[in-house]
Amino acid sequence: MTHLGAMLDELGRHQEALKWQEEDVEKTRRVEGDVSPNTLAAMNNMAATLSRMGRTDESLSRYEHVLEDERRVLDEDHPSVLNTMNNIATVLQIVDDLRRL
């Protein structure tokens, strides 16, 4: 499901992608737990789709949740933690750019 959601997102079919990503998060969480690397990656993907949909508040909230969980289970300099921090910075930049319009 992760790859299908990513493919749909890349095609600009964000609403469909989000549906698949939500299902992916739910199933991965149920099978692997709330803070498994796969669950956190699925949540990160969903936050990216929300950002591309212009739903920056939701995206930022989800990224912050992912970062909090990643910091509990991974080293601070783990690539996933750094990636999520970068994603948060990107969304904050988008929000700042929108405010300037």
C-alpha atoms as a PDB file:
ATOM      1  CA  MET A   1       0.000   0.000   0.000  1.00  0.00           C
ATOM      2  CA  THR A   2       2.900   2.344   0.682  1.00  0.00           C
ATOM      3  CA  HIS A   3       4.040   2.240  -2.914  1.00  0.00           C
ATOM      4  CA  LEU A   4       0.510   2.678  -4.282  1.00  0.00           C
ATOM      5  CA  GLY A   5      -0.037   5.744  -2.088  1.00  0.00           C
ATOM      6  CA  ALA A   6       3.308   7.195  -3.180  1.00  0.00           C
ATOM      7  CA  MET A   7       2.566   6.546  -6.843  1.00  0.00           C
ATOM      8  CA  LEU A   8      -0.868   8.168  -6.634  1.00  0.00           C
ATOM      9  CA  ASP A   9       0.640  11.126  -4.805  1.00  0.00           C
ATOM     10  CA  GLU A  10       3.286  11.559  -7.517  1.00  0.00           C
ATOM     11  CA  LEU A  11       0.526  11.499 -10.137  1.00  0.00           C
ATOM     12  CA  GLY A  12      -1.205  14.347  -8.318  1.00  0.00           C
ATOM     13  CA  ARG A  13      -4.045  12.125  -7.162  1.00  0.00           C
ATOM     14  CA  HIS A  14      -3.563  13.270  -3.585  1.00  0.00           C
ATOM     15  CA  GLN A  15      -7.003  12.425  -2.205  1.00  0.00           C
ATOM     16  CA  GLU A  16      -6.714   8.827  -3.405  1.00  0.00           C
ATOM     17  CA  ALA A  17      -3.152   8.651  -2.130  1.00  0.00           C
ATOM     18  CA  LEU A  18      -4.244   9.880   1.272  1.00  0.00           C
ATOM     19  CA  LYS A  19      -6.900   7.175   1.488  1.00  0.00           C
ATOM     20  CA  TRP A  20      -4.320   4.455   0.834  1.00  0.00           C
ATOM     21  CA  GLN A  21      -1.793   6.048   3.162  1.00  0.00           C
ATOM     22  CA  GLU A  22      -4.312   6.255   6.008  1.00  0.00           C
ATOM     23  CA  GLU A  23      -5.052   2.567   5.548  1.00  0.00           C
ATOM     24  CA  ASP A  24      -1.332   1.811   5.452  1.00  0.00           C
ATOM     25  CA  VAL A  25      -0.745   3.669   8.731  1.00  0.00           C
ATOM     26  CA  GLU A  26      -3.671   1.902  10.394  1.00  0.00           C
ATOM     27  CA  LYS A  27      -2.604  -1.584   9.322  1.00  0.00           C
ATOM     28  CA  THR A  28       1.095  -1.045   9.998  1.00  0.00           C
ATOM     29  CA  ARG A  29       0.318   0.370  13.432  1.00  0.00           C
ATOM     30  CA  ARG A  30      -1.907  -2.607  14.228  1.00  0.00           C
ATOM     31  CA  VAL A  31       0.695  -5.173  13.120  1.00  0.00           C
ATOM     32  CA  GLU A  32       3.969  -3.503  14.122  1.00  0.00           C
ATOM     33  CA  GLY A  33       3.023  -0.995  16.812  1.00  0.00           C
ATOM     34  CA  ASP A  34       2.799   2.774  17.128  1.00  0.00           C
ATOM     35  CA  VAL A  35       6.506   3.546  16.943  1.00  0.00           C
ATOM     36  CA  SER A  36       7.870   0.952  14.563  1.00  0.00           C
ATOM     37  CA  PRO A  37      10.068   2.401  11.812  1.00  0.00           C
ATOM     38  CA  ASN A  38       7.514   1.316   9.200  1.00  0.00           C
ATOM     39  CA  THR A  39       4.637   2.990  11.049  1.00  0.00           C
ATOM     40  CA  LEU A  40       6.617   6.198  11.419  1.00  0.00           C
ATOM     41  CA  ALA A  41       7.610   6.133   7.735  1.00  0.00           C
ATOM     42  CA  ALA A  42       3.976   5.611   6.724  1.00  0.00           C
ATOM     43  CA  MET A  43       2.920   8.553   8.903  1.00  0.00           C
ATOM     44  CA  ASN A  44       5.685  10.668   7.383  1.00  0.00           C
ATOM     45  CA  ASN A  45       4.433   9.823   3.878  1.00  0.00           C
ATOM     46  CA  MET A  46       0.905  10.792   4.839  1.00  0.00           C
ATOM     47  CA  ALA A  47       2.133  14.129   6.227  1.00  0.00           C
ATOM     48  CA  ALA A  48       3.916  14.803   2.932  1.00  0.00           C
ATOM     49  CA  THR A  49       0.717  14.192   0.981  1.00  0.00           C
ATOM     50  CA  LEU A  50      -1.213  16.509   3.295  1.00  0.00           C
ATOM     51  CA  SER A  51       1.392  19.189   2.672  1.00  0.00           C
ATOM     52  CA  ARG A  52       1.083  18.789  -1.098  1.00  0.00           C
ATOM     53  CA  MET A  53      -2.689  19.126  -0.706  1.00  0.00           C
ATOM     54  CA  GLY A  54      -2.175  22.491   0.987  1.00  0.00           C
ATOM     55  CA  ARG A  55      -3.260  21.131   4.358  1.00  0.00           C
ATOM     56  CA  THR A  56      -0.156  22.497   6.041  1.00  0.00           C
ATOM     57  CA  ASP A  57      -1.529  22.658   9.590  1.00  0.00           C
ATOM     58  CA  GLU A  58      -2.423  18.964   9.530  1.00  0.00           C
ATOM     59  CA  SER A  59       0.844  18.112   7.840  1.00  0.00           C
ATOM     60  CA  LEU A  60       2.898  19.996  10.401  1.00  0.00           C
ATOM     61  CA  SER A  61       1.016  18.402  13.285  1.00  0.00           C
ATOM     62  CA  ARG A  62       1.631  14.911  11.921  1.00  0.00           C
ATOM     63  CA  TYR A  63       5.303  15.597  11.232  1.00  0.00           C
ATOM     64  CA  GLU A  64       5.742  16.896  14.785  1.00  0.00           C
ATOM     65  CA  HIS A  65       4.090  13.754  16.158  1.00  0.00           C
ATOM     66  CA  VAL A  66       6.386  11.566  14.044  1.00  0.00           C
ATOM     67  CA  LEU A  67       9.443  13.514  15.192  1.00  0.00           C
ATOM     68  CA  GLU A  68       8.454  13.137  18.830  1.00  0.00           C
ATOM     69  CA  ASP A  69       8.103   9.361  18.427  1.00  0.00           C
ATOM     70  CA  GLU A  70      11.294   9.059  16.384  1.00  0.00           C
ATOM     71  CA  ARG A  71      13.267  10.884  19.065  1.00  0.00           C
ATOM     72  CA  ARG A  72      12.006   8.393  21.640  1.00  0.00           C
ATOM     73  CA  VAL A  73      13.150   5.327  19.696  1.00  0.00           C
ATOM     74  CA  LEU A  74      16.003   6.504  17.453  1.00  0.00           C
ATOM     75  CA  ASP A  75      19.238   8.416  17.907  1.00  0.00           C
ATOM     76  CA  GLU A  76      18.964  12.168  17.372  1.00  0.00           C
ATOM     77  CA  ASP A  77      21.243  11.932  14.328  1.00  0.00           C
ATOM     78  CA  HIS A  78      19.399   8.987  12.744  1.00  0.00           C
ATOM     79  CA  PRO A  79      18.580   9.694   9.074  1.00  0.00           C
ATOM     80  CA  SER A  80      14.840   9.321   9.705  1.00  0.00           C
ATOM     81  CA  VAL A  81      14.934  11.941  12.466  1.00  0.00           C
ATOM     82  CA  LEU A  82      16.908  14.316  10.267  1.00  0.00           C
ATOM     83  CA  ASN A  83      14.536  13.711   7.349  1.00  0.00           C
ATOM     84  CA  THR A  84      11.502  14.507   9.478  1.00  0.00           C
ATOM     85  CA  MET A  85      13.189  17.667  10.784  1.00  0.00           C
ATOM     86  CA  ASN A  86      13.821  18.687   7.171  1.00  0.00           C
ATOM     87  CA  ASN A  87      10.202  17.984   6.278  1.00  0.00           C
ATOM     88  CA  ILE A  88       9.034  20.194   9.142  1.00  0.00           C
ATOM     89  CA  ALA A  89      11.327  22.995   7.952  1.00  0.00           C
ATOM     90  CA  THR A  90       9.914  22.646   4.428  1.00  0.00           C
ATOM     91  CA  VAL A  91       6.314  22.954   5.632  1.00  0.00           C
ATOM     92  CA  LEU A  92       7.226  25.944   7.813  1.00  0.00           C
ATOM     93  CA  GLN A  93       8.789  27.575   4.756  1.00  0.00           C
ATOM     94  CA  ILE A  94       5.609  26.945   2.737  1.00  0.00           C
ATOM     95  CA  VAL A  95       3.489  28.476   5.504  1.00  0.00           C
ATOM     96  CA  ASP A  96       5.791  31.503   5.693  1.00  0.00           C
ATOM     97  CA  ASP A  97       5.664  31.936   1.899  1.00  0.00           C
ATOM     98  CA  LEU A  98       1.848  31.776   1.948  1.00  0.00           C
ATOM     99  CA  ARG A  99       1.668  34.415   4.672  1.00  0.00           C
ATOM    100  CA  ARG A 100       3.725  36.766   2.535  1.00  0.00           C
ATOM    101  CA  LEU A 101       1.246  36.624  -0.355  1.00  0.00           C
END
